[in-house]
């Protein structure tokens, strides 16, 4: 069974970590949150070179991943970590906007220069690049059960990221034994259930 070694949650105007209970707030855009994250001495440096051209799903994944890695502390080892996108909305909204732009511009004058996450795995892979993670990267749509997700992670150090509309949650599942956590339908719900737990 995996343990939850750390995590992060982002919603409009607020970002929180799980174990360390750090909070960043007062930002109006993800670019402003990036500035706060980059300025926090407790967050590890990450590769955010593609942040400016990334869509909202990519930006949410990158920032949630950095905050979750910071929260996991020494348990986070990018050289052996996998990054997994799980359920949520993936990048459906970005694909819809891209298609609508394509149609609106006569099917040949769409915003070709706009970087759009056209695969559900794109935000996760960008987050893995940001973290320098060397393990597997993929997106899985499955049962709405965090216990089933933990089984999927198995004995591999895995950061699971769930992206929704203007929201993201990232949790680090690490091999080990610990207190059983509740089975939840989403990572955001599991974050909420665990946020007041006393951490060692």
Protein backbone atom coordinates (compact mmCIF):
# COMPACT_ATOMS: atom_id res chain seq x y z
CA UNK A 1 0.00 0.00 0.00
CA UNK A 2 1.24 3.48 -0.81
CA UNK A 3 1.26 6.36 1.62
CA UNK A 4 0.50 9.96 0.73
CA UNK A 5 3.85 11.69 1.24
CA UNK A 6 2.72 15.18 0.26
CA UNK A 7 0.46 17.14 -1.99
CA UNK A 8 -0.86 20.42 -3.30
CA UNK A 9 -4.15 21.93 -4.38
CA UNK A 10 -4.79 24.96 -6.58
CA UNK A 11 -8.07 26.83 -7.06
CA UNK A 12 -8.73 30.39 -8.25
CA UNK A 13 -6.80 32.74 -5.98
CA UNK A 14 -5.43 30.11 -3.59
CA UNK A 15 -2.83 27.32 -3.54
CA UNK A 16 -2.11 25.08 -0.54
CA UNK A 17 0.23 22.28 0.39
CA UNK A 18 -0.88 19.24 2.35
CA UNK A 19 1.75 18.26 4.93
CA UNK A 20 3.39 21.64 5.51
CA UNK A 21 0.08 23.56 5.28
CA UNK A 22 1.68 26.39 3.35
CA UNK A 23 -0.67 28.74 1.54
CA UNK A 24 -0.18 31.12 -1.37
CA UNK A 25 -3.05 33.46 -2.10
CA UNK A 26 -4.05 36.74 -3.64
CA UNK A 27 -3.09 35.88 -7.21
CA UNK A 28 -5.48 36.65 -10.06
CA UNK A 29 -3.75 34.57 -12.76
CA UNK A 30 -1.58 31.49 -12.98
CA UNK A 31 1.27 33.73 -14.16
CA UNK A 32 1.01 35.57 -10.83
CA UNK A 33 0.99 32.25 -8.96
CA UNK A 34 4.11 31.24 -10.90
CA UNK A 35 5.84 34.38 -9.60
CA UNK A 36 4.84 33.48 -6.02
CA UNK A 37 6.02 29.87 -6.45
CA UNK A 38 9.33 30.93 -8.02
CA UNK A 39 9.90 33.37 -5.16
CA UNK A 40 9.22 30.85 -2.38
CA UNK A 41 12.50 29.56 -0.94
CA UNK A 42 10.84 26.29 0.09
CA UNK A 43 9.87 25.31 -3.47
CA UNK A 44 12.54 23.50 -5.54
CA UNK A 45 13.58 25.10 -8.79
CA UNK A 46 11.85 23.62 -11.78
CA UNK A 47 11.99 23.93 -15.54
CA UNK A 48 9.24 26.42 -16.35
CA UNK A 49 10.56 27.40 -19.77
CA UNK A 50 7.32 26.28 -21.48
CA UNK A 51 5.02 27.91 -18.91
CA UNK A 52 4.35 31.08 -20.93
CA UNK A 53 3.19 29.21 -24.01
CA UNK A 54 1.38 26.41 -22.18
CA UNK A 55 -2.39 26.24 -21.94
CA UNK A 56 -4.15 26.48 -18.57
CA UNK A 57 -4.10 22.71 -18.00
CA UNK A 58 -0.31 22.61 -18.52
CA UNK A 59 0.24 25.57 -16.22
CA UNK A 60 -1.94 24.07 -13.49
CA UNK A 61 -0.08 20.76 -13.77
CA UNK A 62 3.34 22.40 -13.61
CA UNK A 63 2.56 24.55 -10.57
CA UNK A 64 0.69 21.84 -8.66
CA UNK A 65 3.58 19.44 -9.33
CA UNK A 66 6.19 21.87 -8.00
CA UNK A 67 4.17 22.55 -4.85
CA UNK A 68 3.49 18.84 -4.24
CA UNK A 69 7.18 17.97 -4.72
CA UNK A 70 8.12 20.69 -2.23
CA UNK A 71 5.56 19.37 0.23
CA UNK A 72 6.82 15.78 -0.04
CA UNK A 73 10.32 16.93 0.92
CA UNK A 74 12.89 14.15 1.05
CA UNK A 75 10.33 11.55 -0.03
CA UNK A 76 10.32 13.15 -3.49
CA UNK A 77 13.07 11.65 -5.67
CA UNK A 78 12.68 12.84 -9.28
CA UNK A 79 15.30 10.42 -10.56
CA UNK A 80 12.94 7.50 -9.86
CA UNK A 81 9.51 9.13 -9.83
CA UNK A 82 6.61 8.54 -12.20
CA UNK A 83 4.07 11.26 -13.01
CA UNK A 84 0.50 10.17 -13.67
CA UNK A 85 -2.47 12.19 -14.85
CA UNK A 86 -5.65 10.79 -13.35
CA UNK A 87 -9.29 11.43 -14.22
CA UNK A 88 -10.32 15.09 -14.00
CA UNK A 89 -11.04 16.88 -17.26
CA UNK A 90 -7.65 16.30 -18.85
CA UNK A 91 -7.34 18.91 -21.58
CA UNK A 92 -10.87 18.70 -23.01
CA UNK A 93 -11.50 22.45 -22.61
CA UNK A 94 -8.29 23.33 -24.48
CA UNK A 95 -9.16 20.91 -27.28
CA UNK A 96 -12.63 22.44 -27.56
CA UNK A 97 -11.23 25.99 -27.75
CA UNK A 98 -8.66 24.92 -30.33
CA UNK A 99 -11.33 23.26 -32.50
CA UNK A 100 -13.69 26.26 -32.24
CA UNK A 101 -10.84 28.57 -33.27
CA UNK A 102 -10.02 26.27 -36.17
CA UNK A 103 -13.63 26.35 -37.38
CA UNK A 104 -14.02 30.10 -36.81
CA UNK A 105 -10.97 30.78 -38.99
CA UNK A 106 -12.07 28.85 -42.05
CA UNK A 107 -10.22 25.69 -41.05
CA UNK A 108 -6.91 27.10 -42.20
CA UNK A 109 -6.20 30.25 -40.20
CA UNK A 110 -6.36 28.95 -36.64
CA UNK A 111 -3.84 30.01 -34.06
CA UNK A 112 -1.10 27.63 -35.18
CA UNK A 113 1.43 29.27 -32.89
CA UNK A 114 -0.66 28.54 -29.81
CA UNK A 115 0.66 25.57 -27.87
CA UNK A 116 -2.35 23.42 -27.05
CA UNK A 117 -2.38 20.24 -25.03
CA UNK A 118 -4.17 18.07 -27.55
CA UNK A 119 -3.44 14.85 -25.68
CA UNK A 120 -4.56 14.25 -22.11
CA UNK A 121 -0.98 13.22 -21.29
CA UNK A 122 0.53 16.56 -22.41
CA UNK A 123 0.03 18.44 -19.10
CA UNK A 124 1.42 15.47 -17.18
CA UNK A 125 4.47 15.20 -19.41
CA UNK A 126 5.09 18.94 -19.09
CA UNK A 127 4.87 18.56 -15.30
CA UNK A 128 7.39 15.69 -15.46
CA UNK A 129 9.77 17.92 -17.45
CA UNK A 130 9.28 20.71 -14.92
CA UNK A 131 10.24 18.34 -12.09
CA UNK A 132 13.01 16.52 -13.94
CA UNK A 133 11.19 13.25 -13.25
CA UNK A 134 12.77 10.21 -14.90
CA UNK A 135 9.99 7.64 -14.41
CA UNK A 136 6.96 6.87 -16.54
CA UNK A 137 4.47 9.51 -17.57
CA UNK A 138 0.91 8.83 -18.66
CA UNK A 139 -2.75 9.74 -18.28
CA UNK A 140 -5.31 7.26 -16.94
CA UNK A 141 -9.08 7.60 -16.88
CA UNK A 142 -10.44 5.03 -14.47
CA UNK A 143 -12.63 4.29 -11.49
CA UNK A 144 -13.30 7.30 -9.27
CA UNK A 145 -11.47 5.70 -6.34
CA UNK A 146 -8.23 6.95 -4.80
CA UNK A 147 -7.61 3.48 -3.34
CA UNK A 148 -7.74 2.05 -6.85
CA UNK A 149 -5.35 4.79 -7.91
CA UNK A 150 -2.97 3.82 -5.09
CA UNK A 151 -3.06 0.21 -6.31
CA UNK A 152 -2.18 1.45 -9.78
CA UNK A 153 0.83 3.31 -8.33
CA UNK A 154 1.92 0.11 -6.56
CA UNK A 155 5.44 0.30 -5.19
CA UNK A 156 6.51 3.10 -7.52
CA UNK A 157 7.02 6.62 -6.25
CA UNK A 158 4.27 8.40 -8.17
CA UNK A 159 2.94 11.91 -8.37
CA UNK A 160 -0.70 11.79 -9.42
CA UNK A 161 -2.18 14.98 -10.88
CA UNK A 162 -5.86 15.68 -11.43
CA UNK A 163 -6.80 18.74 -13.47
CA UNK A 164 -10.23 20.31 -13.51
CA UNK A 165 -11.61 23.63 -14.67
CA UNK A 166 -9.39 26.28 -13.02
CA UNK A 167 -8.34 23.71 -10.38
CA UNK A 168 -5.72 21.04 -9.86
CA UNK A 169 -4.66 18.63 -7.15
CA UNK A 170 -1.39 16.71 -7.02
CA UNK A 171 -0.53 14.02 -4.48
CA UNK A 172 2.70 12.09 -4.04
CA UNK A 173 2.13 8.38 -3.42
CA UNK A 174 5.22 6.75 -1.94
CA UNK A 175 5.85 3.07 -1.20
CA UNK A 176 5.44 2.26 2.45
CA UNK A 177 3.12 1.43 5.27
CA UNK A 178 1.15 4.03 7.14
CA UNK A 179 -2.31 4.94 8.29
CA UNK A 180 -5.04 4.04 5.85
CA UNK A 181 -6.48 7.02 4.06
CA UNK A 182 -10.10 7.40 3.03
CA UNK A 183 -11.28 6.27 -0.37
CA UNK A 184 -12.34 9.35 -2.31
CA UNK A 185 -13.73 10.04 -5.76
CA UNK A 186 -11.10 12.66 -6.61
CA UNK A 187 -7.65 13.84 -5.57
CA UNK A 188 -9.14 17.17 -4.56
CA UNK A 189 -11.52 15.37 -2.21
CA UNK A 190 -8.69 13.26 -0.76
CA UNK A 191 -6.64 16.43 -0.24
CA UNK A 192 -9.58 17.96 1.63
CA UNK A 193 -10.04 14.84 3.78
CA UNK A 194 -6.36 14.68 4.69
CA UNK A 195 -5.53 18.36 5.09
CA UNK A 196 -6.20 18.46 8.82
CA UNK A 197 -4.45 15.19 9.63
CA UNK A 198 -1.53 15.57 12.01
CA UNK A 199 1.68 14.87 10.08
CA UNK A 200 4.87 13.66 11.70
